[in-house]
Amino acid sequence: LWIHDGELLVGNSGDGYLKRIDLETGAMTNVFSIGAGILDGIRVDQSGNLLVSRWGGELYRVQPDGSVTEILDGETQGWTIADLVFLPGVGLVLFPTFFVNRVRAVRIGDGGG
């Protein structure tokens, strides 16, 4: 869950869609889907892009126009990515990797516009 600009963003393990709920009207819309899997961490970078993790180990950047880019595939290295923290001043994403008891830090930059 993440609140941004009067909307509640919701990851889920059902249909694979990130959902947006307008907090004023209650209207719900699908933002995007990356297929089956658990959408977990949600943050917004300094350019207004969403950073969304899938528990299998992927991190995505979703631009305001709806375009989606995979910016990290940690699955190839055995990393899971659940919740995350984004440090905009230095362009770092921090996330726990459950099975090896570590916190990873990955520099992703600002995402441009």
C-alpha atoms as a PDB file:
ATOM      1  CA  LEU A   1       0.000   0.000   0.000  1.00  0.00           C
ATOM      2  CA  TRP A   2       1.153   3.520  -0.751  1.00  0.00           C
ATOM      3  CA  ILE A   3      -0.721   6.826  -0.742  1.00  0.00           C
ATOM      4  CA  HIS A   4       0.216   9.342  -3.420  1.00  0.00           C
ATOM      5  CA  ASP A   5      -1.633  12.400  -4.752  1.00  0.00           C
ATOM      6  CA  GLY A   6      -4.937  11.515  -3.069  1.00  0.00           C
ATOM      7  CA  GLU A   7      -4.898   7.932  -4.277  1.00  0.00           C
ATOM      8  CA  LEU A   8      -4.235   4.621  -2.559  1.00  0.00           C
ATOM      9  CA  LEU A   9      -1.963   2.362  -4.621  1.00  0.00           C
ATOM     10  CA  VAL A  10      -2.456  -1.335  -3.900  1.00  0.00           C
ATOM     11  CA  GLY A  11      -0.259  -4.263  -4.901  1.00  0.00           C
ATOM     12  CA  ASN A  12      -1.780  -7.718  -4.732  1.00  0.00           C
ATOM     13  CA  SER A  13      -1.290 -11.419  -5.239  1.00  0.00           C
ATOM     14  CA  GLY A  14      -4.494 -12.016  -7.147  1.00  0.00           C
ATOM     15  CA  ASP A  15      -4.828 -10.776 -10.692  1.00  0.00           C
ATOM     16  CA  GLY A  16      -1.335  -9.237 -10.927  1.00  0.00           C
ATOM     17  CA  TYR A  17      -2.586  -5.647 -11.340  1.00  0.00           C
ATOM     18  CA  LEU A  18      -1.402  -2.657  -9.394  1.00  0.00           C
ATOM     19  CA  LYS A  19      -4.619  -0.875  -8.476  1.00  0.00           C
ATOM     20  CA  ARG A  20      -5.336   2.787  -7.841  1.00  0.00           C
ATOM     21  CA  ILE A  21      -8.184   3.820  -5.545  1.00  0.00           C
ATOM     22  CA  ASP A  22      -9.295   7.452  -5.523  1.00  0.00           C
ATOM     23  CA  LEU A  23      -9.601   8.312  -1.823  1.00  0.00           C
ATOM     24  CA  GLU A  24     -12.310  10.872  -2.461  1.00  0.00           C
ATOM     25  CA  THR A  25     -14.636   8.885  -4.717  1.00  0.00           C
ATOM     26  CA  GLY A  26     -13.627   5.289  -3.964  1.00  0.00           C
ATOM     27  CA  ALA A  27     -13.272   4.595  -7.687  1.00  0.00           C
ATOM     28  CA  MET A  28     -10.784   1.811  -8.426  1.00  0.00           C
ATOM     29  CA  THR A  29      -8.782   1.422 -11.624  1.00  0.00           C
ATOM     30  CA  ASN A  30      -6.050  -0.911 -12.803  1.00  0.00           C
ATOM     31  CA  VAL A  31      -2.707   0.837 -13.320  1.00  0.00           C
ATOM     32  CA  PHE A  32      -0.735  -1.974 -14.953  1.00  0.00           C
ATOM     33  CA  SER A  33      -0.073  -5.697 -14.827  1.00  0.00           C
ATOM     34  CA  ILE A  34       3.191  -7.570 -15.113  1.00  0.00           C
ATOM     35  CA  GLY A  35       1.510 -10.962 -15.008  1.00  0.00           C
ATOM     36  CA  ALA A  36       1.123 -13.431 -12.198  1.00  0.00           C
ATOM     37  CA  GLY A  37       3.025 -12.778  -9.016  1.00  0.00           C
ATOM     38  CA  ILE A  38       2.912 -10.801  -5.809  1.00  0.00           C
ATOM     39  CA  LEU A  39       3.197  -7.042  -6.229  1.00  0.00           C
ATOM     40  CA  ASP A  40       4.579  -5.773  -2.965  1.00  0.00           C
ATOM     41  CA  GLY A  41       6.752  -2.675  -2.580  1.00  0.00           C
ATOM     42  CA  ILE A  42       5.438   0.626  -3.932  1.00  0.00           C
ATOM     43  CA  ARG A  43       7.161   4.003  -3.830  1.00  0.00           C
ATOM     44  CA  VAL A  44       7.279   7.148  -5.952  1.00  0.00           C
ATOM     45  CA  ASP A  45      10.555   8.583  -7.219  1.00  0.00           C
ATOM     46  CA  GLN A  46      11.377  12.277  -7.486  1.00  0.00           C
ATOM     47  CA  SER A  47      10.191  12.364 -11.116  1.00  0.00           C
ATOM     48  CA  GLY A  48       6.700  11.079 -10.234  1.00  0.00           C
ATOM     49  CA  ASN A  49       7.325   7.537 -11.505  1.00  0.00           C
ATOM     50  CA  LEU A  50       6.090   4.578  -9.500  1.00  0.00           C
ATOM     51  CA  LEU A  51       8.661   2.044  -8.326  1.00  0.00           C
ATOM     52  CA  VAL A  52       6.948  -1.318  -7.898  1.00  0.00           C
ATOM     53  CA  SER A  53       8.482  -4.618  -6.825  1.00  0.00           C
ATOM     54  CA  ARG A  54       7.355  -8.120  -7.592  1.00  0.00           C
ATOM     55  CA  TRP A  55       8.270 -10.574  -4.878  1.00  0.00           C
ATOM     56  CA  GLY A  56      10.040 -12.881  -7.335  1.00  0.00           C
ATOM     57  CA  GLY A  57      12.861 -10.340  -7.561  1.00  0.00           C
ATOM     58  CA  GLU A  58      11.894  -7.754 -10.156  1.00  0.00           C
ATOM     59  CA  LEU A  59      11.697  -3.981  -9.786  1.00  0.00           C
ATOM     60  CA  TYR A  60       9.715  -1.879 -12.255  1.00  0.00           C
ATOM     61  CA  ARG A  61       9.437   1.817 -13.040  1.00  0.00           C
ATOM     62  CA  VAL A  62       5.980   2.953 -14.147  1.00  0.00           C
ATOM     63  CA  GLN A  63       5.946   6.392 -15.738  1.00  0.00           C
ATOM     64  CA  PRO A  64       2.908   8.693 -15.459  1.00  0.00           C
ATOM     65  CA  ASP A  65       2.014   7.879 -19.095  1.00  0.00           C
ATOM     66  CA  GLY A  66       1.659   4.193 -18.092  1.00  0.00           C
ATOM     67  CA  SER A  67       4.814   2.862 -19.725  1.00  0.00           C
ATOM     68  CA  VAL A  68       6.514   0.138 -17.677  1.00  0.00           C
ATOM     69  CA  THR A  69      10.241  -0.632 -17.615  1.00  0.00           C
ATOM     70  CA  GLU A  70      11.924  -3.424 -15.701  1.00  0.00           C
ATOM     71  CA  ILE A  71      14.891  -1.789 -13.976  1.00  0.00           C
ATOM     72  CA  LEU A  72      16.150  -4.709 -11.895  1.00  0.00           C
ATOM     73  CA  ASP A  73      15.942  -8.481 -12.209  1.00  0.00           C
ATOM     74  CA  GLY A  74      17.185  -9.780  -8.889  1.00  0.00           C
ATOM     75  CA  GLU A  75      15.671 -13.204  -9.506  1.00  0.00           C
ATOM     76  CA  THR A  76      18.716 -14.166 -11.571  1.00  0.00           C
ATOM     77  CA  GLN A  77      20.825 -13.577  -8.450  1.00  0.00           C
ATOM     78  CA  GLY A  78      18.437 -15.308  -6.061  1.00  0.00           C
ATOM     79  CA  TRP A  79      17.099 -12.072  -4.580  1.00  0.00           C
ATOM     80  CA  THR A  80      13.526 -11.545  -3.534  1.00  0.00           C
ATOM     81  CA  ILE A  81      12.203  -8.001  -3.391  1.00  0.00           C
ATOM     82  CA  ALA A  82       9.303  -7.414  -1.069  1.00  0.00           C
ATOM     83  CA  ASP A  83       8.822  -4.000   0.422  1.00  0.00           C
ATOM     84  CA  LEU A  84      11.368  -1.353  -0.463  1.00  0.00           C
ATOM     85  CA  VAL A  85      12.648   2.071   0.446  1.00  0.00           C
ATOM     86  CA  PHE A  86      13.730   4.646  -2.120  1.00  0.00           C
ATOM     87  CA  LEU A  87      16.275   7.340  -1.223  1.00  0.00           C
ATOM     88  CA  PRO A  88      15.735  10.021  -3.862  1.00  0.00           C
ATOM     89  CA  GLY A  89      18.751  12.163  -2.975  1.00  0.00           C
ATOM     90  CA  VAL A  90      21.118   9.370  -3.976  1.00  0.00           C
ATOM     91  CA  GLY A  91      18.891   7.261  -6.276  1.00  0.00           C
ATOM     92  CA  LEU A  92      19.101   4.135  -4.118  1.00  0.00           C
ATOM     93  CA  VAL A  93      16.540   1.406  -3.583  1.00  0.00           C
ATOM     94  CA  LEU A  94      16.939  -0.642  -0.391  1.00  0.00           C
ATOM     95  CA  PHE A  95      15.149  -3.951   0.064  1.00  0.00           C
ATOM     96  CA  PRO A  96      15.380  -7.064   2.252  1.00  0.00           C
ATOM     97  CA  THR A  97      16.297 -10.398   0.661  1.00  0.00           C
ATOM     98  CA  PHE A  98      14.421 -12.734   2.955  1.00  0.00           C
ATOM     99  CA  PHE A  99      16.253 -16.004   2.551  1.00  0.00           C
ATOM    100  CA  VAL A 100      19.809 -14.736   3.041  1.00  0.00           C
ATOM    101  CA  ASN A 101      19.156 -12.214   5.837  1.00  0.00           C
ATOM    102  CA  ARG A 102      20.579  -9.237   3.971  1.00  0.00           C
ATOM    103  CA  VAL A 103      19.483  -5.798   2.906  1.00  0.00           C
ATOM    104  CA  ARG A 104      20.482  -4.889  -0.639  1.00  0.00           C
ATOM    105  CA  ALA A 105      21.086  -1.386  -1.951  1.00  0.00           C
ATOM    106  CA  VAL A 106      20.876  -0.787  -5.692  1.00  0.00           C
ATOM    107  CA  ARG A 107      21.437   2.565  -7.400  1.00  0.00           C
ATOM    108  CA  ILE A 108      18.753   3.164 -10.013  1.00  0.00           C
ATOM    109  CA  GLY A 109      19.130   6.854 -10.722  1.00  0.00           C
ATOM    110  CA  ASP A 110      16.290   9.322 -10.994  1.00  0.00           C
ATOM    111  CA  GLY A 111      14.290   7.813 -13.840  1.00  0.00           C
ATOM    112  CA  GLY A 112      14.344  10.964 -15.872  1.00  0.00           C
ATOM    113  CA  GLY A 113      11.195  12.226 -17.405  1.00  0.00           C
END
